[in-house]
């Protein structure tokens, strides 16, 4: 079984890293601040996800594209990579807009 979804997420994060490197927007602008921001956001979104799972709002549903590894019931490993991608892309967009204002 090839974890296509995880591979796509990692490639996407890598491509965001290239954009960030080219324009020095987040990680390559202020490494420590970016890491803290992404980790805090992943933590908050993970809590949100776990609460949604406990309330029966979110569920994995099973897919052949993901790994069978679950960090919690209905919380696949790939979710952490998705949350990192979501946060990193939002941060890059925010920093890009802010850089154009000045």
PDB file of N, CA and C in Angstrom:
ATOM      1  N   UNK A   1       0.840  -1.179   0.000  1.00  0.00           N
ATOM      2  CA  UNK A   1       0.000   0.000   0.000  1.00  0.00           C
ATOM      3  C   UNK A   1       0.891   1.250   0.000  1.00  0.00           C
ATOM      4  N   UNK A   2       0.688   2.106  -0.938  1.00  0.00           N
ATOM      5  CA  UNK A   2       1.451   3.347  -1.037  1.00  0.00           C
ATOM      6  C   UNK A   2       0.613   4.475  -0.433  1.00  0.00           C
ATOM      7  N   UNK A   3       1.153   5.193   0.539  1.00  0.00           N
ATOM      8  CA  UNK A   3       0.395   6.264   1.210  1.00  0.00           C
ATOM      9  C   UNK A   3       0.370   7.543   0.366  1.00  0.00           C
ATOM     10  N   UNK A   4      -0.424   7.527  -0.698  1.00  0.00           N
ATOM     11  CA  UNK A   4      -0.429   8.642  -1.642  1.00  0.00           C
ATOM     12  C   UNK A   4      -0.795   9.974  -0.995  1.00  0.00           C
ATOM     13  N   UNK A   5      -1.752   9.939  -0.087  1.00  0.00           N
ATOM     14  CA  UNK A   5      -2.191  11.180   0.556  1.00  0.00           C
ATOM     15  C   UNK A   5      -1.051  11.795   1.372  1.00  0.00           C
ATOM     16  N   UNK A   6      -0.345  10.974   2.136  1.00  0.00           N
ATOM     17  CA  UNK A   6       0.781  11.458   2.925  1.00  0.00           C
ATOM     18  C   UNK A   6       1.891  11.984   2.015  1.00  0.00           C
ATOM     19  N   UNK A   7       2.162  11.291   0.943  1.00  0.00           N
ATOM     20  CA  UNK A   7       3.178  11.738  -0.015  1.00  0.00           C
ATOM     21  C   UNK A   7       2.781  13.087  -0.610  1.00  0.00           C
ATOM     22  N   UNK A   8       1.520  13.234  -0.982  1.00  0.00           N
ATOM     23  CA  UNK A   8       1.042  14.505  -1.547  1.00  0.00           C
ATOM     24  C   UNK A   8       1.169  15.638  -0.536  1.00  0.00           C
ATOM     25  N   UNK A   9       0.864  15.351   0.721  1.00  0.00           N
ATOM     26  CA  UNK A   9       0.982  16.387   1.755  1.00  0.00           C
ATOM     27  C   UNK A   9       2.434  16.801   1.953  1.00  0.00           C
ATOM     28  N   UNK A  10       3.337  15.840   2.003  1.00  0.00           N
ATOM     29  CA  UNK A  10       4.759  16.140   2.198  1.00  0.00           C
ATOM     30  C   UNK A  10       5.322  16.920   1.015  1.00  0.00           C
ATOM     31  N   UNK A  11       4.950  16.531  -0.202  1.00  0.00           N
ATOM     32  CA  UNK A  11       5.395  17.263  -1.393  1.00  0.00           C
ATOM     33  C   UNK A  11       4.848  18.692  -1.366  1.00  0.00           C
ATOM     34  N   UNK A  12       3.600  18.847  -0.971  1.00  0.00           N
ATOM     35  CA  UNK A  12       2.989  20.181  -0.903  1.00  0.00           C
ATOM     36  C   UNK A  12       3.684  21.057   0.128  1.00  0.00           C
ATOM     37  N   UNK A  13       3.989  20.487   1.291  1.00  0.00           N
ATOM     38  CA  UNK A  13       4.714  21.242   2.315  1.00  0.00           C
ATOM     39  C   UNK A  13       6.100  21.621   1.791  1.00  0.00           C
ATOM     40  N   UNK A  14       6.740  20.714   1.086  1.00  0.00           N
ATOM     41  CA  UNK A  14       8.039  21.015   0.490  1.00  0.00           C
ATOM     42  C   UNK A  14       7.960  22.147  -0.520  1.00  0.00           C
ATOM     43  N   UNK A  15       6.920  22.148  -1.335  1.00  0.00           N
ATOM     44  CA  UNK A  15       6.735  23.227  -2.319  1.00  0.00           C
ATOM     45  C   UNK A  15       6.478  24.563  -1.627  1.00  0.00           C
ATOM     46  N   UNK A  16       5.711  24.537  -0.532  1.00  0.00           N
ATOM     47  CA  UNK A  16       5.527  25.762   0.243  1.00  0.00           C
ATOM     48  C   UNK A  16       6.863  26.247   0.805  1.00  0.00           C
ATOM     49  N   UNK A  17       7.691  25.292   1.227  1.00  0.00           N
ATOM     50  CA  UNK A  17       9.016  25.641   1.715  1.00  0.00           C
ATOM     51  C   UNK A  17       9.850  26.333   0.648  1.00  0.00           C
ATOM     52  N   UNK A  18       9.740  25.878  -0.596  1.00  0.00           N
ATOM     53  CA  UNK A  18      10.458  26.530  -1.695  1.00  0.00           C
ATOM     54  C   UNK A  18       9.962  27.951  -1.925  1.00  0.00           C
ATOM     55  N   UNK A  19       8.656  28.135  -1.884  1.00  0.00           N
ATOM     56  CA  UNK A  19       8.089  29.476  -2.038  1.00  0.00           C
ATOM     57  C   UNK A  19       8.561  30.366  -0.889  1.00  0.00           C
ATOM     58  N   UNK A  20       8.514  29.811   0.314  1.00  0.00           N
ATOM     59  CA  UNK A  20       8.962  30.547   1.499  1.00  0.00           C
ATOM     60  C   UNK A  20      10.438  30.913   1.373  1.00  0.00           C
ATOM     61  N   UNK A  21      11.260  29.979   0.929  1.00  0.00           N
ATOM     62  CA  UNK A  21      12.697  30.235   0.757  1.00  0.00           C
ATOM     63  C   UNK A  21      12.932  31.338  -0.273  1.00  0.00           C
ATOM     64  N   UNK A  22      12.198  31.265  -1.362  1.00  0.00           N
ATOM     65  CA  UNK A  22      12.380  32.243  -2.442  1.00  0.00           C
ATOM     66  C   UNK A  22      12.036  33.661  -1.990  1.00  0.00           C
ATOM     67  N   UNK A  23      10.922  33.803  -1.251  1.00  0.00           N
ATOM     68  CA  UNK A  23      10.442  35.140  -0.881  1.00  0.00           C
ATOM     69  C   UNK A  23      10.696  35.496   0.585  1.00  0.00           C
ATOM     70  N   UNK A  24      11.296  34.572   1.355  1.00  0.00           N
ATOM     71  CA  UNK A  24      11.631  34.812   2.769  1.00  0.00           C
ATOM     72  C   UNK A  24      10.422  35.331   3.546  1.00  0.00           C
ATOM     73  N   UNK A  25       9.332  34.577   3.506  1.00  0.00           N
ATOM     74  CA  UNK A  25       8.076  35.026   4.094  1.00  0.00           C
ATOM     75  C   UNK A  25       7.835  34.546   5.519  1.00  0.00           C
ATOM     76  N   UNK A  26       8.141  33.313   5.826  1.00  0.00           N
ATOM     77  CA  UNK A  26       7.803  32.779   7.148  1.00  0.00           C
ATOM     78  C   UNK A  26       9.028  32.134   7.790  1.00  0.00           C
ATOM     79  N   UNK A  27       9.250  30.869   7.520  1.00  0.00           N
ATOM     80  CA  UNK A  27      10.341  30.116   8.127  1.00  0.00           C
ATOM     81  C   UNK A  27      11.695  30.751   7.824  1.00  0.00           C
ATOM     82  N   UNK A  28      11.885  31.218   6.627  1.00  0.00           N
ATOM     83  CA  UNK A  28      13.175  31.810   6.252  1.00  0.00           C
ATOM     84  C   UNK A  28      13.259  33.296   6.604  1.00  0.00           C
ATOM     85  N   UNK A  29      12.191  33.827   7.140  1.00  0.00           N
ATOM     86  CA  UNK A  29      12.187  35.200   7.646  1.00  0.00           C
ATOM     87  C   UNK A  29      12.459  35.206   9.152  1.00  0.00           C
ATOM     88  N   UNK A  30      11.710  34.379   9.902  1.00  0.00           N
ATOM     89  CA  UNK A  30      11.872  34.279  11.359  1.00  0.00           C
ATOM     90  C   UNK A  30      11.557  32.836  11.759  1.00  0.00           C
ATOM     91  N   UNK A  31      12.593  32.012  11.778  1.00  0.00           N
ATOM     92  CA  UNK A  31      12.468  30.567  11.988  1.00  0.00           C
ATOM     93  C   UNK A  31      11.751  30.220  13.292  1.00  0.00           C
ATOM     94  N   UNK A  32      12.196  30.788  14.408  1.00  0.00           N
ATOM     95  CA  UNK A  32      11.627  30.450  15.714  1.00  0.00           C
ATOM     96  C   UNK A  32      10.149  30.807  15.796  1.00  0.00           C
ATOM     97  N   UNK A  33       9.815  31.992  15.360  1.00  0.00           N
ATOM     98  CA  UNK A  33       8.424  32.453  15.405  1.00  0.00           C
ATOM     99  C   UNK A  33       7.513  31.586  14.534  1.00  0.00           C
ATOM    100  N   UNK A  34       8.002  31.197  13.380  1.00  0.00           N
ATOM    101  CA  UNK A  34       7.226  30.353  12.473  1.00  0.00           C
ATOM    102  C   UNK A  34       6.977  28.978  13.084  1.00  0.00           C
ATOM    103  N   UNK A  35       8.017  28.381  13.658  1.00  0.00           N
ATOM    104  CA  UNK A  35       7.859  27.058  14.268  1.00  0.00           C
ATOM    105  C   UNK A  35       6.856  27.106  15.413  1.00  0.00           C
ATOM    106  N   UNK A  36       6.971  28.124  16.272  1.00  0.00           N
ATOM    107  CA  UNK A  36       6.039  28.256  17.396  1.00  0.00           C
ATOM    108  C   UNK A  36       4.616  28.446  16.884  1.00  0.00           C
ATOM    109  N   UNK A  37       4.442  29.301  15.891  1.00  0.00           N
ATOM    110  CA  UNK A  37       3.113  29.557  15.335  1.00  0.00           C
ATOM    111  C   UNK A  37       2.498  28.288  14.770  1.00  0.00           C
ATOM    112  N   UNK A  38       3.262  27.545  13.998  1.00  0.00           N
ATOM    113  CA  UNK A  38       2.742  26.322  13.380  1.00  0.00           C
ATOM    114  C   UNK A  38       2.425  25.271  14.439  1.00  0.00           C
ATOM    115  N   UNK A  39       3.296  25.098  15.428  1.00  0.00           N
ATOM    116  CA  UNK A  39       3.047  24.100  16.468  1.00  0.00           C
ATOM    117  C   UNK A  39       1.830  24.442  17.320  1.00  0.00           C
ATOM    118  N   UNK A  40       1.676  25.711  17.669  1.00  0.00           N
ATOM    119  CA  UNK A  40       0.501  26.126  18.450  1.00  0.00           C
ATOM    120  C   UNK A  40      -0.771  25.901  17.636  1.00  0.00           C
ATOM    121  N   UNK A  41      -0.745  26.272  16.370  1.00  0.00           N
ATOM    122  CA  UNK A  41      -1.925  26.087  15.513  1.00  0.00           C
ATOM    123  C   UNK A  41      -2.260  24.604  15.346  1.00  0.00           C
ATOM    124  N   UNK A  42      -1.250  23.761  15.145  1.00  0.00           N
ATOM    125  CA  UNK A  42      -1.494  22.321  15.024  1.00  0.00           C
ATOM    126  C   UNK A  42      -2.106  21.797  16.323  1.00  0.00           C
ATOM    127  N   UNK A  43      -1.593  22.253  17.460  1.00  0.00           N
ATOM    128  CA  UNK A  43      -2.148  21.840  18.745  1.00  0.00           C
ATOM    129  C   UNK A  43      -3.613  22.231  18.896  1.00  0.00           C
ATOM    130  N   UNK A  44      -3.933  23.481  18.573  1.00  0.00           N
ATOM    131  CA  UNK A  44      -5.320  23.945  18.685  1.00  0.00           C
ATOM    132  C   UNK A  44      -6.243  23.213  17.713  1.00  0.00           C
ATOM    133  N   UNK A  45      -5.809  23.050  16.471  1.00  0.00           N
ATOM    134  CA  UNK A  45      -6.635  22.333  15.507  1.00  0.00           C
ATOM    135  C   UNK A  45      -6.789  20.861  15.874  1.00  0.00           C
ATOM    136  N   UNK A  46      -5.767  20.270  16.478  1.00  0.00           N
ATOM    137  CA  UNK A  46      -5.862  18.876  16.915  1.00  0.00           C
ATOM    138  C   UNK A  46      -6.899  18.736  18.026  1.00  0.00           C
ATOM    139  N   UNK A  47      -6.889  19.684  18.966  1.00  0.00           N
ATOM    140  CA  UNK A  47      -7.904  19.674  20.024  1.00  0.00           C
ATOM    141  C   UNK A  47      -9.292  19.805  19.411  1.00  0.00           C
ATOM    142  N   UNK A  48      -9.425  20.709  18.448  1.00  0.00           N
ATOM    143  CA  UNK A  48     -10.693  20.900  17.754  1.00  0.00           C
ATOM    144  C   UNK A  48     -11.128  19.587  17.091  1.00  0.00           C
ATOM    145  N   UNK A  49     -10.201  18.940  16.398  1.00  0.00           N
ATOM    146  CA  UNK A  49     -10.503  17.668  15.735  1.00  0.00           C
ATOM    147  C   UNK A  49     -10.932  16.592  16.732  1.00  0.00           C
ATOM    148  N   UNK A  50     -10.192  16.486  17.822  1.00  0.00           N
ATOM    149  CA  UNK A  50     -10.513  15.461  18.823  1.00  0.00           C
ATOM    150  C   UNK A  50     -11.886  15.720  19.437  1.00  0.00           C
ATOM    151  N   UNK A  51     -12.204  16.988  19.715  1.00  0.00           N
ATOM    152  CA  UNK A  51     -13.539  17.308  20.223  1.00  0.00           C
ATOM    153  C   UNK A  51     -14.612  16.964  19.192  1.00  0.00           C
ATOM    154  N   UNK A  52     -14.335  17.273  17.925  1.00  0.00           N
ATOM    155  CA  UNK A  52     -15.285  16.937  16.860  1.00  0.00           C
ATOM    156  C   UNK A  52     -15.475  15.437  16.720  1.00  0.00           C
ATOM    157  N   UNK A  53     -14.417  14.675  16.907  1.00  0.00           N
ATOM    158  CA  UNK A  53     -14.507  13.212  16.844  1.00  0.00           C
ATOM    159  C   UNK A  53     -15.330  12.702  18.018  1.00  0.00           C
ATOM    160  N   UNK A  54     -15.046  13.224  19.218  1.00  0.00           N
ATOM    161  CA  UNK A  54     -15.785  12.799  20.419  1.00  0.00           C
ATOM    162  C   UNK A  54     -17.274  13.113  20.313  1.00  0.00           C
ATOM    163  N   UNK A  55     -17.611  14.223  19.663  1.00  0.00           N
ATOM    164  CA  UNK A  55     -19.015  14.610  19.506  1.00  0.00           C
ATOM    165  C   UNK A  55     -19.682  13.912  18.319  1.00  0.00           C
ATOM    166  N   UNK A  56     -18.916  13.128  17.578  1.00  0.00           N
ATOM    167  CA  UNK A  56     -19.472  12.403  16.445  1.00  0.00           C
ATOM    168  C   UNK A  56     -19.617  13.240  15.187  1.00  0.00           C
ATOM    169  N   UNK A  57     -18.972  14.394  15.150  1.00  0.00           N
ATOM    170  CA  UNK A  57     -19.056  15.278  13.988  1.00  0.00           C
ATOM    171  C   UNK A  57     -18.050  14.856  12.921  1.00  0.00           C
ATOM    172  N   UNK A  58     -16.820  14.525  13.351  1.00  0.00           N
ATOM    173  CA  UNK A  58     -15.763  14.126  12.429  1.00  0.00           C
ATOM    174  C   UNK A  58     -15.550  12.619  12.512  1.00  0.00           C
ATOM    175  N   UNK A  59     -15.266  12.028  11.378  1.00  0.00           N
ATOM    176  CA  UNK A  59     -14.879  10.614  11.355  1.00  0.00           C
ATOM    177  C   UNK A  59     -13.999  10.386  10.146  1.00  0.00           C
ATOM    178  N   UNK A  60     -13.159   9.372  10.227  1.00  0.00           N
ATOM    179  CA  UNK A  60     -12.204   9.101   9.159  1.00  0.00           C
ATOM    180  C   UNK A  60     -12.881   8.482   7.952  1.00  0.00           C
ATOM    181  N   UNK A  61     -13.684   7.504   8.165  1.00  0.00           N
ATOM    182  CA  UNK A  61     -14.413   6.880   7.065  1.00  0.00           C
ATOM    183  C   UNK A  61     -13.631   5.821   6.312  1.00  0.00           C
ATOM    184  N   UNK A  62     -12.342   5.731   6.538  1.00  0.00           N
ATOM    185  CA  UNK A  62     -11.532   4.715   5.868  1.00  0.00           C
ATOM    186  C   UNK A  62     -11.235   5.078   4.419  1.00  0.00           C
ATOM    187  N   UNK A  63     -10.007   4.859   4.027  1.00  0.00           N
ATOM    188  CA  UNK A  63      -9.601   5.139   2.661  1.00  0.00           C
ATOM    189  C   UNK A  63      -8.380   4.295   2.337  1.00  0.00           C
ATOM    190  N   UNK A  64      -8.293   3.846   1.105  1.00  0.00           N
ATOM    191  CA  UNK A  64      -7.124   3.086   0.666  1.00  0.00           C
ATOM    192  C   UNK A  64      -5.914   3.987   0.426  1.00  0.00           C
ATOM    193  N   UNK A  65      -6.133   5.301   0.414  1.00  0.00           N
ATOM    194  CA  UNK A  65      -5.050   6.242   0.144  1.00  0.00           C
ATOM    195  C   UNK A  65      -4.270   6.635   1.393  1.00  0.00           C
ATOM    196  N   UNK A  66      -4.792   6.301   2.564  1.00  0.00           N
ATOM    197  CA  UNK A  66      -4.131   6.679   3.805  1.00  0.00           C
ATOM    198  C   UNK A  66      -3.549   5.461   4.512  1.00  0.00           C
ATOM    199  N   UNK A  67      -2.631   5.738   5.423  1.00  0.00           N
ATOM    200  CA  UNK A  67      -2.037   4.679   6.233  1.00  0.00           C
ATOM    201  C   UNK A  67      -3.045   4.222   7.290  1.00  0.00           C
ATOM    202  N   UNK A  68      -2.946   3.005   7.750  1.00  0.00           N
ATOM    203  CA  UNK A  68      -3.870   2.535   8.791  1.00  0.00           C
ATOM    204  C   UNK A  68      -3.466   3.001  10.196  1.00  0.00           C
ATOM    205  N   UNK A  69      -2.509   3.913  10.297  1.00  0.00           N
ATOM    206  CA  UNK A  69      -2.042   4.400  11.595  1.00  0.00           C
ATOM    207  C   UNK A  69      -2.985   5.491  12.097  1.00  0.00           C
ATOM    208  N   UNK A  70      -3.513   5.293  13.301  1.00  0.00           N
ATOM    209  CA  UNK A  70      -4.393   6.277  13.933  1.00  0.00           C
ATOM    210  C   UNK A  70      -3.732   6.725  15.229  1.00  0.00           C
ATOM    211  N   UNK A  71      -3.635   8.042  15.427  1.00  0.00           N
ATOM    212  CA  UNK A  71      -3.078   8.572  16.664  1.00  0.00           C
ATOM    213  C   UNK A  71      -4.109   8.478  17.784  1.00  0.00           C
ATOM    214  N   UNK A  72      -5.349   8.660  17.423  1.00  0.00           N
ATOM    215  CA  UNK A  72      -6.522   8.478  18.277  1.00  0.00           C
ATOM    216  C   UNK A  72      -7.566   7.811  17.394  1.00  0.00           C
ATOM    217  N   UNK A  73      -8.616   7.270  17.963  1.00  0.00           N
ATOM    218  CA  UNK A  73      -9.663   6.726  17.090  1.00  0.00           C
ATOM    219  C   UNK A  73     -10.180   7.807  16.123  1.00  0.00           C
ATOM    220  N   UNK A  74     -10.242   7.478  14.861  1.00  0.00           N
ATOM    221  CA  UNK A  74     -10.717   8.383  13.800  1.00  0.00           C
ATOM    222  C   UNK A  74      -9.769   9.555  13.528  1.00  0.00           C
ATOM    223  N   UNK A  75      -8.554   9.534  14.060  1.00  0.00           N
ATOM    224  CA  UNK A  75      -7.578  10.619  13.874  1.00  0.00           C
ATOM    225  C   UNK A  75      -6.328  10.039  13.219  1.00  0.00           C
ATOM    226  N   UNK A  76      -6.290  10.065  11.876  1.00  0.00           N
ATOM    227  CA  UNK A  76      -5.155   9.446  11.168  1.00  0.00           C
ATOM    228  C   UNK A  76      -3.873  10.273  11.287  1.00  0.00           C
ATOM    229  N   UNK A  77      -2.760   9.611  11.118  1.00  0.00           N
ATOM    230  CA  UNK A  77      -1.453  10.259  11.147  1.00  0.00           C
ATOM    231  C   UNK A  77      -1.396  11.419  10.154  1.00  0.00           C
ATOM    232  N   UNK A  78      -1.983  11.239   9.010  1.00  0.00           N
ATOM    233  CA  UNK A  78      -1.934  12.266   7.952  1.00  0.00           C
ATOM    234  C   UNK A  78      -2.571  13.577   8.380  1.00  0.00           C
ATOM    235  N   UNK A  79      -3.451  13.535   9.369  1.00  0.00           N
ATOM    236  CA  UNK A  79      -4.118  14.754   9.832  1.00  0.00           C
ATOM    237  C   UNK A  79      -3.105  15.781  10.334  1.00  0.00           C
ATOM    238  N   UNK A  80      -2.062  15.330  11.010  1.00  0.00           N
ATOM    239  CA  UNK A  80      -1.041  16.268  11.495  1.00  0.00           C
ATOM    240  C   UNK A  80      -0.329  16.960  10.336  1.00  0.00           C
ATOM    241  N   UNK A  81      -0.054  16.211   9.278  1.00  0.00           N
ATOM    242  CA  UNK A  81       0.587  16.804   8.102  1.00  0.00           C
ATOM    243  C   UNK A  81      -0.364  17.767   7.391  1.00  0.00           C
ATOM    244  N   UNK A  82      -1.645  17.416   7.344  1.00  0.00           N
ATOM    245  CA  UNK A  82      -2.634  18.314   6.748  1.00  0.00           C
ATOM    246  C   UNK A  82      -2.719  19.615   7.552  1.00  0.00           C
ATOM    247  N   UNK A  83      -2.742  19.499   8.876  1.00  0.00           N
ATOM    248  CA  UNK A  83      -2.806  20.698   9.711  1.00  0.00           C
ATOM    249  C   UNK A  83      -1.557  21.557   9.549  1.00  0.00           C
ATOM    250  N   UNK A  84      -0.404  20.923   9.398  1.00  0.00           N
ATOM    251  CA  UNK A  84       0.832  21.672   9.143  1.00  0.00           C
ATOM    252  C   UNK A  84       0.744  22.405   7.803  1.00  0.00           C
ATOM    253  N   UNK A  85       0.238  21.712   6.785  1.00  0.00           N
ATOM    254  CA  UNK A  85       0.075  22.329   5.463  1.00  0.00           C
ATOM    255  C   UNK A  85      -0.895  23.505   5.533  1.00  0.00           C
ATOM    256  N   UNK A  86      -2.011  23.315   6.192  1.00  0.00           N
ATOM    257  CA  UNK A  86      -3.018  24.366   6.329  1.00  0.00           C
ATOM    258  C   UNK A  86      -2.432  25.590   7.033  1.00  0.00           C
ATOM    259  N   UNK A  87      -1.745  25.362   8.123  1.00  0.00           N
ATOM    260  CA  UNK A  87      -1.179  26.453   8.898  1.00  0.00           C
ATOM    261  C   UNK A  87      -0.048  27.157   8.144  1.00  0.00           C
ATOM    262  N   UNK A  88       0.845  26.385   7.559  1.00  0.00           N
ATOM    263  CA  UNK A  88       1.994  26.954   6.843  1.00  0.00           C
ATOM    264  C   UNK A  88       1.525  27.767   5.634  1.00  0.00           C
ATOM    265  N   UNK A  89       0.567  27.245   4.890  1.00  0.00           N
ATOM    266  CA  UNK A  89       0.076  27.995   3.723  1.00  0.00           C
ATOM    267  C   UNK A  89      -0.634  29.272   4.159  1.00  0.00           C
ATOM    268  N   UNK A  90      -1.403  29.208   5.235  1.00  0.00           N
ATOM    269  CA  UNK A  90      -2.076  30.412   5.746  1.00  0.00           C
ATOM    270  C   UNK A  90      -1.056  31.451   6.195  1.00  0.00           C
ATOM    271  N   UNK A  91      -0.014  30.998   6.860  1.00  0.00           N
ATOM    272  CA  UNK A  91       1.028  31.901   7.334  1.00  0.00           C
ATOM    273  C   UNK A  91       1.772  32.555   6.167  1.00  0.00           C
ATOM    274  N   UNK A  92       2.060  31.789   5.151  1.00  0.00           N
ATOM    275  CA  UNK A  92       2.747  32.332   3.977  1.00  0.00           C
ATOM    276  C   UNK A  92       1.861  33.356   3.266  1.00  0.00           C
ATOM    277  N   UNK A  93       0.591  33.039   3.111  1.00  0.00           N
ATOM    278  CA  UNK A  93      -0.335  33.993   2.470  1.00  0.00           C
ATOM    279  C   UNK A  93      -0.429  35.272   3.289  1.00  0.00           C
ATOM    280  N   UNK A  94      -0.583  35.124   4.609  1.00  0.00           N
ATOM    281  CA  UNK A  94      -0.664  36.294   5.488  1.00  0.00           C
ATOM    282  C   UNK A  94       0.588  37.156   5.369  1.00  0.00           C
ATOM    283  N   UNK A  95       1.765  36.527   5.448  1.00  0.00           N
ATOM    284  CA  UNK A  95       3.028  37.270   5.370  1.00  0.00           C
ATOM    285  C   UNK A  95       3.207  37.932   3.999  1.00  0.00           C
ATOM    286  N   UNK A  96       2.739  37.255   2.937  1.00  0.00           N
ATOM    287  CA  UNK A  96       2.835  37.838   1.594  1.00  0.00           C
ATOM    288  C   UNK A  96       1.992  39.113   1.518  1.00  0.00           C
ATOM    289  N   UNK A  97       0.774  39.030   2.005  1.00  0.00           N
ATOM    290  CA  UNK A  97      -0.121  40.207   1.977  1.00  0.00           C
ATOM    291  C   UNK A  97       0.464  41.333   2.806  1.00  0.00           C
ATOM    292  N   UNK A  98       0.981  40.988   3.987  1.00  0.00           N
ATOM    293  CA  UNK A  98       1.589  42.016   4.846  1.00  0.00           C
ATOM    294  C   UNK A  98       2.814  42.658   4.180  1.00  0.00           C
ATOM    295  N   UNK A  99       3.596  41.875   3.470  1.00  0.00           N
ATOM    296  CA  UNK A  99       4.785  42.420   2.818  1.00  0.00           C
ATOM    297  C   UNK A  99       4.423  43.353   1.674  1.00  0.00           C
ATOM    298  N   UNK A 100       3.276  43.149   1.060  1.00  0.00           N
ATOM    299  CA  UNK A 100       2.842  44.017  -0.042  1.00  0.00           C
ATOM    300  C   UNK A 100       2.254  45.326   0.458  1.00  0.00           C
ATOM    301  N   UNK A 101       1.825  45.368   1.731  1.00  0.00           N
ATOM    302  CA  UNK A 101       1.262  46.600   2.299  1.00  0.00           C
ATOM    303  C   UNK A 101       2.347  47.646   2.554  1.00  0.00           C
ATOM    304  N   UNK A 102       3.569  47.178   2.848  1.00  0.00           N
ATOM    305  CA  UNK A 102       4.626  48.140   3.189  1.00  0.00           C
ATOM    306  C   UNK A 102       5.357  48.685   2.011  1.00  0.00           C
TER     307      UNK A 102
END
